[in-house]
Amino acid sequence: MAIPERFQATGTDAAVSITRAVTQHRIGLGLTFGEQLDIDRLRRATRLSLDAEPVLGCSFRTDSFKAYWRRIGDMDAVEAFSVLDTEDLDREVSAFQAREVGDAGPQAAVRLFRSADRDVLGIKVSHVLADGHAAKQYAYLLASIYTRLGADPSFIPEPDLNARPTARDVWNHLDSQQRRDAKRAKSWAMPNWGVLAKAQSGRGLTYRSLALGPERFVALKAYGKARGATVNDMLLTAFFRACIRAFDPVAGRPLSLMCTADLRRYLPDADRLPIANISISGSLDIERVDGESFDETLGRIHGRMGVWAKACYGAGPALSAEKITALGYKMTKRILEATFRMSGPGKTYPWFTNIGILDEDRLAFNGQVPVTGSMFGPAAFGASIVPTVSTYKNCLTVCMGFCEEDFDREIVDRVLELTSEELELT
């Protein structure tokens, strides 16, 4: 089946591209293998993946009334795969994830980091194109193609030419009551945490992380279940309490606490949808209450998450954003840039994203299952309090990106340390 030369960008694509003025949008994975992978097969699998999900083999264009994706002319001249021999795996993997997937395309990059005792596979996609779920989806696709090539070196996948999902598709699958509830959701929240940054440059992106082993993860899960709460509720509670201890915000008024949700839950056959960014964030607007226990904060967080769930996790605001982008890319850019200016200096908010579980079976590369795996996410310019959570083999990782020219590493480490301390209370 012939691949079209051009694909329409969704409203989310356009909006995310514009918000790169204040956010380092990144999304990717790091997978560690105890045995060496086949370099030539990985290179071939990466090349074929750009046809299997055709929008990955595109450049992002804004030279028309609406943004769009255009296929790269000579795909065989594109090098989306690379290899690096190194003994400094952590530093090199972090540096790879920090570099943006450029608009010129392709919209995915894969690098194999080889050391004397293990391989680490770095995988990343453009956040303009894809959210956390889609990044996992791409990793699963790459593993599947690699495996198929092991059995049949001539294998060529069929391109997925189904339309990429949008917020309008989500809205169309809500019933009348859900639509009424969704319209009550807030479209945005103003930053109201006074956290000082050294600058607002967006330069020097790097990452720090916290890992919770399987025993702690299982205990955390059991603790939450006994209280009618999810692991996500538990993590968000610990993170919120850690931020209060680290930044001492004012009490008695709602604090913006951003949380990301995947709207695929409202779409049929969610796992079979093409790669897309169909997530949205909203604020829980929760007050600081001095002297309350972890369980008391957990109860309030769980309650606010229930309110947000009833409002369909921001499906209404997502549709509004889709409508705004119908005004054209330039007009959308002017509108969003005006909102950036409203935030004011020295203000930020914690922004929590839990991408969920990485499926070890779907990450098997011809039977080779990663020993460890975790995800990387976005960072804000200036003060960046943006954890990205993922879980692999019952090991939970909290990864925080920040720009070293803007924000002190010690502050990020302190937030992670306090989050771990709060989880010890469970």
Protein backbone atom coordinates (compact mmCIF):
# COMPACT_ATOMS: atom_id res chain seq x y z
CA MET A 1 0.00 0.00 0.00
CA ALA A 2 1.44 3.36 -1.03
CA ILE A 3 2.34 5.76 1.77
CA PRO A 4 0.90 9.27 1.32
CA GLU A 5 3.33 12.16 1.06
CA ARG A 6 1.47 14.27 3.61
CA PHE A 7 -0.42 13.76 6.89
CA GLN A 8 -2.49 16.29 8.81
CA ALA A 9 -1.08 17.31 12.18
CA THR A 10 -3.48 17.06 15.10
CA GLY A 11 -4.32 19.96 17.36
CA THR A 12 -2.17 18.38 20.08
CA ASP A 13 0.77 18.12 17.67
CA ALA A 14 0.55 21.84 16.97
CA ALA A 15 0.05 22.83 20.61
CA VAL A 16 2.98 20.75 21.87
CA SER A 17 5.26 22.15 19.18
CA ILE A 18 4.43 25.69 20.32
CA THR A 19 4.89 24.97 24.03
CA ARG A 20 8.50 24.06 23.32
CA ALA A 21 9.08 27.75 23.98
CA VAL A 22 8.84 26.98 27.71
CA THR A 23 9.28 23.20 27.93
CA GLN A 24 11.93 20.75 26.83
CA HIS A 25 9.56 18.16 25.39
CA ARG A 26 11.26 14.77 25.46
CA ILE A 27 9.94 11.21 25.62
CA GLY A 28 12.01 8.05 25.45
CA LEU A 29 13.16 4.76 26.97
CA GLY A 30 16.38 3.15 28.13
CA LEU A 31 16.55 -0.67 28.03
CA THR A 32 19.47 -2.70 29.39
CA PHE A 33 20.36 -6.12 27.96
CA GLY A 34 22.72 -8.69 29.45
CA GLU A 35 23.61 -10.04 26.01
CA GLN A 36 24.56 -8.25 22.80
CA LEU A 37 21.89 -7.35 20.26
CA ASP A 38 22.42 -7.73 16.51
CA ILE A 39 23.52 -4.32 15.21
CA ASP A 40 22.65 -4.89 11.55
CA ARG A 41 19.22 -6.24 12.43
CA LEU A 42 18.54 -3.28 14.72
CA ARG A 43 19.51 -0.88 11.97
CA ARG A 44 17.15 -2.63 9.55
CA ALA A 45 14.33 -2.78 12.11
CA THR A 46 14.67 0.95 12.79
CA ARG A 47 14.50 1.76 9.08
CA LEU A 48 11.42 -0.42 8.57
CA SER A 49 9.70 1.12 11.59
CA LEU A 50 9.63 4.47 9.78
CA ASP A 51 7.38 2.88 7.16
CA ALA A 52 5.33 0.75 9.56
CA GLU A 53 4.30 3.99 11.31
CA PRO A 54 4.61 6.35 8.33
CA VAL A 55 4.35 9.61 10.25
CA LEU A 56 7.65 8.68 11.94
CA GLY A 57 9.32 9.06 8.56
CA CYS A 58 8.15 12.66 8.23
CA SER A 59 9.27 16.19 8.90
CA PHE A 60 7.03 18.52 10.90
CA ARG A 61 5.99 21.53 8.81
CA THR A 62 4.41 24.87 9.74
CA ASP A 63 4.70 26.62 6.38
CA SER A 64 1.00 26.22 5.66
CA PHE A 65 -2.18 27.50 7.34
CA LYS A 66 -2.26 24.38 9.51
CA ALA A 67 0.70 22.33 10.63
CA TYR A 68 1.28 19.04 8.82
CA TRP A 69 3.65 16.11 8.46
CA ARG A 70 5.50 15.55 5.18
CA ARG A 71 7.30 12.34 4.27
CA ILE A 72 11.06 12.59 3.91
CA GLY A 73 12.06 12.26 0.25
CA ASP A 74 14.89 9.68 0.39
CA MET A 75 14.16 7.51 3.39
CA ASP A 76 17.12 5.21 2.72
CA ALA A 77 19.47 8.16 3.12
CA VAL A 78 18.10 8.85 6.61
CA GLU A 79 20.07 7.47 9.55
CA ALA A 80 17.78 7.03 12.52
CA PHE A 81 19.97 4.34 14.09
CA SER A 82 23.47 4.65 15.53
CA VAL A 83 25.95 2.77 17.73
CA LEU A 84 28.28 4.07 20.44
CA ASP A 85 30.91 2.06 22.28
CA THR A 86 31.26 3.47 25.78
CA GLU A 87 31.96 2.55 29.38
CA ASP A 88 30.12 5.63 30.65
CA LEU A 89 26.65 4.36 29.91
CA ASP A 90 24.65 6.53 32.30
CA ARG A 91 26.14 9.77 31.02
CA GLU A 92 25.86 8.87 27.34
CA VAL A 93 22.30 7.52 27.59
CA SER A 94 21.22 10.68 29.45
CA ALA A 95 22.89 12.89 26.83
CA PHE A 96 21.14 10.98 24.02
CA GLN A 97 17.73 11.38 25.64
CA ALA A 98 18.38 15.09 26.26
CA ARG A 99 18.93 15.85 22.56
CA GLU A 100 15.71 16.79 20.79
CA VAL A 101 14.27 14.80 17.93
CA GLY A 102 14.29 17.56 15.33
CA ASP A 103 11.39 18.73 13.19
CA ALA A 104 13.33 17.83 10.04
CA GLY A 105 12.82 14.18 10.92
CA PRO A 106 12.74 11.32 11.18
CA GLN A 107 10.58 11.51 14.29
CA ALA A 108 12.29 8.61 16.07
CA ALA A 109 15.90 7.86 16.96
CA VAL A 110 17.49 4.65 18.22
CA ARG A 111 21.02 4.29 19.58
CA LEU A 112 22.76 1.16 20.83
CA PHE A 113 25.23 1.86 23.63
CA ARG A 114 27.70 -1.01 23.91
CA SER A 115 29.99 -1.59 26.88
CA ALA A 116 32.16 -4.55 27.82
CA ASP A 117 29.43 -6.27 29.83
CA ARG A 118 26.08 -5.07 28.50
CA ASP A 119 24.09 -3.27 25.82
CA VAL A 120 21.78 -0.36 26.52
CA LEU A 121 19.21 0.49 23.87
CA GLY A 122 18.15 4.13 23.80
CA ILE A 123 14.84 4.80 22.06
CA LYS A 124 13.16 8.19 21.69
CA VAL A 125 10.37 9.77 19.66
CA SER A 126 9.32 13.35 19.08
CA HIS A 127 6.98 14.50 21.83
CA VAL A 128 5.25 16.66 19.21
CA LEU A 129 4.12 13.41 17.63
CA ALA A 130 3.86 11.04 20.58
CA ASP A 131 3.07 10.83 24.30
CA GLY A 132 4.37 8.30 26.82
CA HIS A 133 2.00 5.54 25.72
CA ALA A 134 3.04 6.07 22.10
CA ALA A 135 6.74 5.95 23.04
CA LYS A 136 6.15 2.53 24.61
CA GLN A 137 4.16 1.57 21.53
CA TYR A 138 7.13 2.46 19.31
CA ALA A 139 9.49 0.38 21.44
CA TYR A 140 7.12 -2.59 21.16
CA LEU A 141 6.96 -2.08 17.38
CA LEU A 142 10.75 -2.00 17.11
CA ALA A 143 11.07 -5.19 19.16
CA SER A 144 8.43 -6.90 17.02
CA ILE A 145 10.10 -6.00 13.72
CA TYR A 146 13.52 -7.04 15.07
CA THR A 147 12.06 -10.39 16.10
CA ARG A 148 10.32 -10.94 12.74
CA LEU A 149 13.56 -10.17 10.91
CA GLY A 150 15.25 -12.93 12.92
CA ALA A 151 12.87 -15.46 11.41
CA ASP A 152 12.61 -13.84 7.98
CA PRO A 153 15.30 -11.32 6.93
CA SER A 154 13.10 -10.25 4.00
CA PHE A 155 10.18 -9.26 6.25
CA ILE A 156 8.56 -5.90 5.43
CA PRO A 157 5.77 -4.62 7.70
CA GLU A 158 2.55 -3.19 6.34
CA PRO A 159 2.25 0.56 6.94
CA ASP A 160 -0.45 1.62 9.41
CA LEU A 161 -2.44 4.19 7.44
CA ASN A 162 -5.29 4.54 9.91
CA ALA A 163 -6.05 8.09 11.01
CA ARG A 164 -4.20 9.21 14.14
CA PRO A 165 -6.61 9.82 17.05
CA THR A 166 -7.49 13.34 18.18
CA ALA A 167 -9.31 14.98 21.09
CA ARG A 168 -12.36 15.23 18.82
CA ASP A 169 -12.38 11.44 18.49
CA VAL A 170 -12.30 11.16 22.27
CA TRP A 171 -15.23 13.59 22.58
CA ASN A 172 -17.24 11.66 20.01
CA HIS A 173 -16.95 8.51 22.13
CA LEU A 174 -18.26 10.14 25.33
CA ASP A 175 -21.91 9.75 26.25
CA SER A 176 -24.11 12.76 27.01
CA GLN A 177 -23.49 12.64 30.78
CA GLN A 178 -19.75 12.37 30.30
CA ARG A 179 -19.82 15.39 28.00
CA ARG A 180 -21.67 17.45 30.56
CA ASP A 181 -19.17 16.47 33.23
CA ALA A 182 -16.19 17.04 30.92
CA LYS A 183 -17.28 20.62 30.20
CA ARG A 184 -16.84 21.47 33.89
CA ALA A 185 -13.11 20.68 33.85
CA LYS A 186 -10.64 23.53 34.05
CA SER A 187 -8.75 24.21 30.85
CA TRP A 188 -5.54 25.25 32.58
CA ALA A 189 -4.01 26.29 35.88
CA MET A 190 -1.73 29.22 36.59
CA PRO A 191 1.59 28.39 38.25
CA ASN A 192 1.47 29.51 41.88
CA TRP A 193 4.48 27.87 43.50
CA GLY A 194 7.21 30.40 44.25
CA VAL A 195 10.33 28.48 43.25
CA LEU A 196 13.41 30.45 42.26
CA ALA A 197 15.42 29.48 39.22
CA LYS A 198 18.84 30.70 38.12
CA ALA A 199 17.62 31.40 34.57
CA GLN A 200 14.96 30.52 31.98
CA SER A 201 17.35 29.42 29.22
CA GLY A 202 16.27 25.82 28.68
CA ARG A 203 19.94 24.85 28.23
CA GLY A 204 21.84 21.94 29.70
CA LEU A 205 19.02 19.39 29.92
CA THR A 206 19.93 16.38 32.02
CA TYR A 207 18.25 13.83 34.31
CA ARG A 208 18.26 12.53 37.87
CA SER A 209 16.32 9.50 39.02
CA LEU A 210 15.04 7.48 41.96
CA ALA A 211 14.47 3.71 41.76
CA LEU A 212 12.22 1.66 44.01
CA GLY A 213 12.94 -2.06 43.91
CA PRO A 214 10.32 -4.81 43.57
CA GLU A 215 9.89 -5.33 47.33
CA ARG A 216 9.12 -1.66 47.93
CA PHE A 217 6.85 -1.51 44.89
CA VAL A 218 4.82 -4.55 45.96
CA ALA A 219 4.53 -3.18 49.51
CA LEU A 220 3.45 0.21 48.16
CA LYS A 221 0.81 -1.42 46.00
CA ALA A 222 -0.55 -3.42 48.93
CA TYR A 223 -0.59 -0.36 51.21
CA GLY A 224 -2.62 1.61 48.68
CA LYS A 225 -5.02 -1.24 47.95
CA ALA A 226 -5.82 -1.59 51.64
CA ARG A 227 -6.88 2.07 51.62
CA GLY A 228 -8.77 2.02 48.33
CA ALA A 229 -6.00 3.98 46.59
CA THR A 230 -3.90 3.32 43.51
CA VAL A 231 -0.12 3.30 43.18
CA ASN A 232 -0.54 6.51 41.21
CA ASP A 233 -2.39 8.09 44.18
CA MET A 234 0.42 6.98 46.49
CA LEU A 235 3.18 8.39 44.32
CA LEU A 236 1.37 11.66 43.73
CA THR A 237 0.80 12.01 47.48
CA ALA A 238 4.47 11.40 48.28
CA PHE A 239 5.56 13.83 45.57
CA PHE A 240 3.14 16.56 46.71
CA ARG A 241 4.26 16.24 50.32
CA ALA A 242 7.92 16.27 49.21
CA CYS A 243 7.35 19.49 47.25
CA ILE A 244 5.72 21.13 50.29
CA ARG A 245 8.77 20.24 52.39
CA ALA A 246 11.21 21.38 49.71
CA PHE A 247 9.56 24.65 48.67
CA ASP A 248 7.38 25.69 51.63
CA PRO A 249 4.39 27.06 49.66
CA VAL A 250 1.71 29.13 51.37
CA ALA A 251 -1.04 27.31 53.23
CA GLY A 252 -4.76 27.91 52.89
CA ARG A 253 -5.07 28.28 49.15
CA PRO A 254 -5.27 25.74 46.31
CA LEU A 255 -1.87 24.85 44.89
CA SER A 256 -1.64 23.91 41.24
CA LEU A 257 -0.51 20.30 41.02
CA MET A 258 -0.42 19.15 37.41
CA CYS A 259 -1.09 15.54 36.52
CA THR A 260 -1.12 13.88 33.09
CA ALA A 261 -3.82 11.49 31.86
CA ASP A 262 -4.06 9.28 28.78
CA LEU A 263 -7.37 9.84 26.96
CA ARG A 264 -7.10 6.57 25.02
CA ARG A 265 -9.21 5.05 27.81
CA TYR A 266 -12.27 6.45 25.99
CA LEU A 267 -11.35 5.07 22.56
CA PRO A 268 -12.04 1.55 21.25
CA ASP A 269 -9.06 -0.71 20.44
CA ALA A 270 -6.70 1.72 22.17
CA ASP A 271 -3.69 -0.59 21.76
CA ARG A 272 -4.19 -0.71 18.00
CA LEU A 273 -4.27 3.02 17.38
CA PRO A 274 -1.47 4.67 15.37
CA ILE A 275 1.24 6.51 17.26
CA ALA A 276 -0.09 9.84 18.53
CA ASN A 277 -0.12 12.26 21.44
CA ILE A 278 -3.57 11.87 22.99
CA SER A 279 -2.74 12.79 26.59
CA ILE A 280 -3.61 15.95 28.49
CA SER A 281 -2.71 17.44 31.85
CA GLY A 282 -4.85 19.13 34.47
CA SER A 283 -4.39 20.52 37.95
CA LEU A 284 -5.76 18.93 41.11
CA ASP A 285 -5.67 22.34 42.88
CA ILE A 286 -5.00 20.97 46.33
CA GLU A 287 -4.26 22.90 49.51
CA ARG A 288 -1.36 22.51 51.89
CA VAL A 289 -2.57 21.30 55.28
CA ASP A 290 0.07 21.45 57.97
CA GLY A 291 0.34 18.58 60.41
CA GLU A 292 -1.69 16.04 58.44
CA SER A 293 -0.50 12.46 58.13
CA PHE A 294 0.44 10.70 54.89
CA ASP A 295 -2.86 8.84 54.94
CA GLU A 296 -4.81 12.09 55.35
CA THR A 297 -3.04 13.64 52.36
CA LEU A 298 -3.59 10.40 50.43
CA GLY A 299 -7.32 10.63 51.14
CA ARG A 300 -7.46 14.16 49.74
CA ILE A 301 -5.37 13.28 46.67
CA HIS A 302 -7.52 10.21 45.98
CA GLY A 303 -10.65 12.35 46.27
CA ARG A 304 -9.34 14.99 43.87
CA MET A 305 -8.34 12.30 41.39
CA GLY A 306 -11.91 11.01 41.58
CA VAL A 307 -13.26 14.47 40.77
CA TRP A 308 -10.88 14.72 37.80
CA ALA A 309 -11.90 11.25 36.62
CA LYS A 310 -15.56 12.28 36.72
CA ALA A 311 -14.66 15.24 34.49
CA CYS A 312 -13.18 12.74 32.01
CA TYR A 313 -9.61 13.79 32.76
CA GLY A 314 -9.74 16.98 30.73
CA ALA A 315 -11.44 15.68 27.59
CA GLY A 316 -13.39 18.95 27.41
CA PRO A 317 -10.32 21.23 27.52
CA ALA A 318 -8.59 18.90 25.05
CA LEU A 319 -11.42 19.45 22.59
CA SER A 320 -11.20 23.21 23.16
CA ALA A 321 -7.50 23.09 22.33
CA GLU A 322 -8.30 21.16 19.15
CA LYS A 323 -10.78 23.88 18.17
CA ILE A 324 -8.24 26.65 18.82
CA THR A 325 -5.73 25.04 16.48
CA ALA A 326 -8.40 25.12 13.76
CA LEU A 327 -7.69 28.88 13.67
CA GLY A 328 -4.36 28.08 12.05
CA TYR A 329 -0.86 27.56 13.35
CA LYS A 330 0.16 31.22 13.51
CA MET A 331 -2.96 32.29 15.41
CA THR A 332 -2.62 29.34 17.80
CA LYS A 333 0.97 30.32 18.45
CA ARG A 334 -0.02 33.90 19.31
CA ILE A 335 -2.73 32.69 21.71
CA LEU A 336 -0.46 30.24 23.52
CA GLU A 337 2.44 32.68 23.73
CA ALA A 338 0.09 35.15 25.43
CA THR A 339 -0.68 32.55 28.10
CA PHE A 340 3.05 31.99 28.68
CA ARG A 341 3.46 35.68 29.47
CA MET A 342 0.61 35.54 32.01
CA SER A 343 2.47 33.08 34.22
CA GLY A 344 4.74 35.72 35.72
CA PRO A 345 8.37 35.39 36.85
CA GLY A 346 9.41 33.06 39.65
CA LYS A 347 6.28 30.91 39.42
CA THR A 348 6.05 27.26 38.51
CA TYR A 349 4.15 24.11 39.46
CA PRO A 350 4.94 20.45 40.03
CA TRP A 351 3.98 18.40 36.99
CA PHE A 352 3.54 14.65 37.56
CA THR A 353 3.34 12.00 34.82
CA ASN A 354 3.00 8.26 35.40
CA ILE A 355 3.47 6.44 32.09
CA GLY A 356 2.76 3.11 33.75
CA ILE A 357 4.06 -0.37 33.14
CA LEU A 358 6.54 -1.38 30.46
CA ASP A 359 5.47 -4.80 29.14
CA GLU A 360 8.52 -7.07 29.29
CA ASP A 361 7.00 -9.62 26.88
CA ARG A 362 6.46 -6.96 24.21
CA LEU A 363 9.99 -5.64 24.75
CA ALA A 364 11.60 -9.01 23.93
CA PHE A 365 14.03 -8.60 21.02
CA ASN A 366 14.00 -12.06 19.45
CA GLY A 367 13.75 -13.62 22.90
CA GLN A 368 16.19 -11.25 24.59
CA VAL A 369 14.25 -9.54 27.37
CA PRO A 370 15.67 -6.34 28.88
CA VAL A 371 17.15 -6.73 32.35
CA THR A 372 16.09 -3.19 33.30
CA GLY A 373 13.97 -0.52 31.67
CA SER A 374 12.76 2.99 32.41
CA MET A 375 11.42 6.09 30.71
CA PHE A 376 12.59 9.67 30.27
CA GLY A 377 10.25 12.65 30.03
CA PRO A 378 9.99 16.42 29.63
CA ALA A 379 11.53 19.22 31.65
CA ALA A 380 10.48 22.83 32.15
CA PHE A 381 12.60 25.87 31.46
CA GLY A 382 13.63 27.51 34.73
CA ALA A 383 12.43 25.71 37.87
CA SER A 384 11.68 22.16 36.71
CA ILE A 385 9.70 19.90 39.07
CA VAL A 386 8.58 17.38 36.46
CA PRO A 387 8.83 13.71 37.44
CA THR A 388 8.19 10.96 34.90
CA VAL A 389 7.30 7.60 36.46
CA SER A 390 7.53 4.18 34.83
CA THR A 391 7.55 0.60 36.09
CA TYR A 392 9.38 -2.42 34.69
CA LYS A 393 9.50 -5.86 36.30
CA ASN A 394 8.01 -4.36 39.47
CA CYS A 395 10.86 -1.86 39.67
CA LEU A 396 9.52 1.70 39.75
CA THR A 397 11.64 4.59 38.46
CA VAL A 398 11.03 8.30 39.03
CA CYS A 399 13.02 10.31 36.48
CA MET A 400 13.25 14.11 36.70
CA GLY A 401 14.59 16.25 33.88
CA PHE A 402 15.95 19.75 34.45
CA CYS A 403 18.21 22.27 32.73
CA GLU A 404 21.50 22.74 34.56
CA GLU A 405 21.86 26.39 33.52
CA ASP A 406 18.43 27.08 35.05
CA PHE A 407 18.00 24.93 38.13
CA ASP A 408 20.31 23.45 40.78
CA ARG A 409 20.89 19.72 40.69
CA GLU A 410 20.80 19.68 44.49
CA ILE A 411 17.17 20.85 44.48
CA VAL A 412 16.12 18.05 42.14
CA ASP A 413 18.00 15.51 44.24
CA ARG A 414 16.32 16.90 47.35
CA VAL A 415 12.82 16.46 45.87
CA LEU A 416 13.63 12.87 44.91
CA GLU A 417 15.09 12.17 48.36
CA LEU A 418 12.05 13.62 50.11
CA THR A 419 9.70 11.66 47.84
CA SER A 420 11.51 8.47 48.87
CA GLU A 421 11.26 9.50 52.55
CA GLU A 422 7.52 10.08 52.23
CA LEU A 423 7.04 6.66 50.67
CA GLU A 424 8.88 5.15 53.65
CA LEU A 425 5.94 6.33 55.79
CA THR A 426 3.71 3.74 54.09
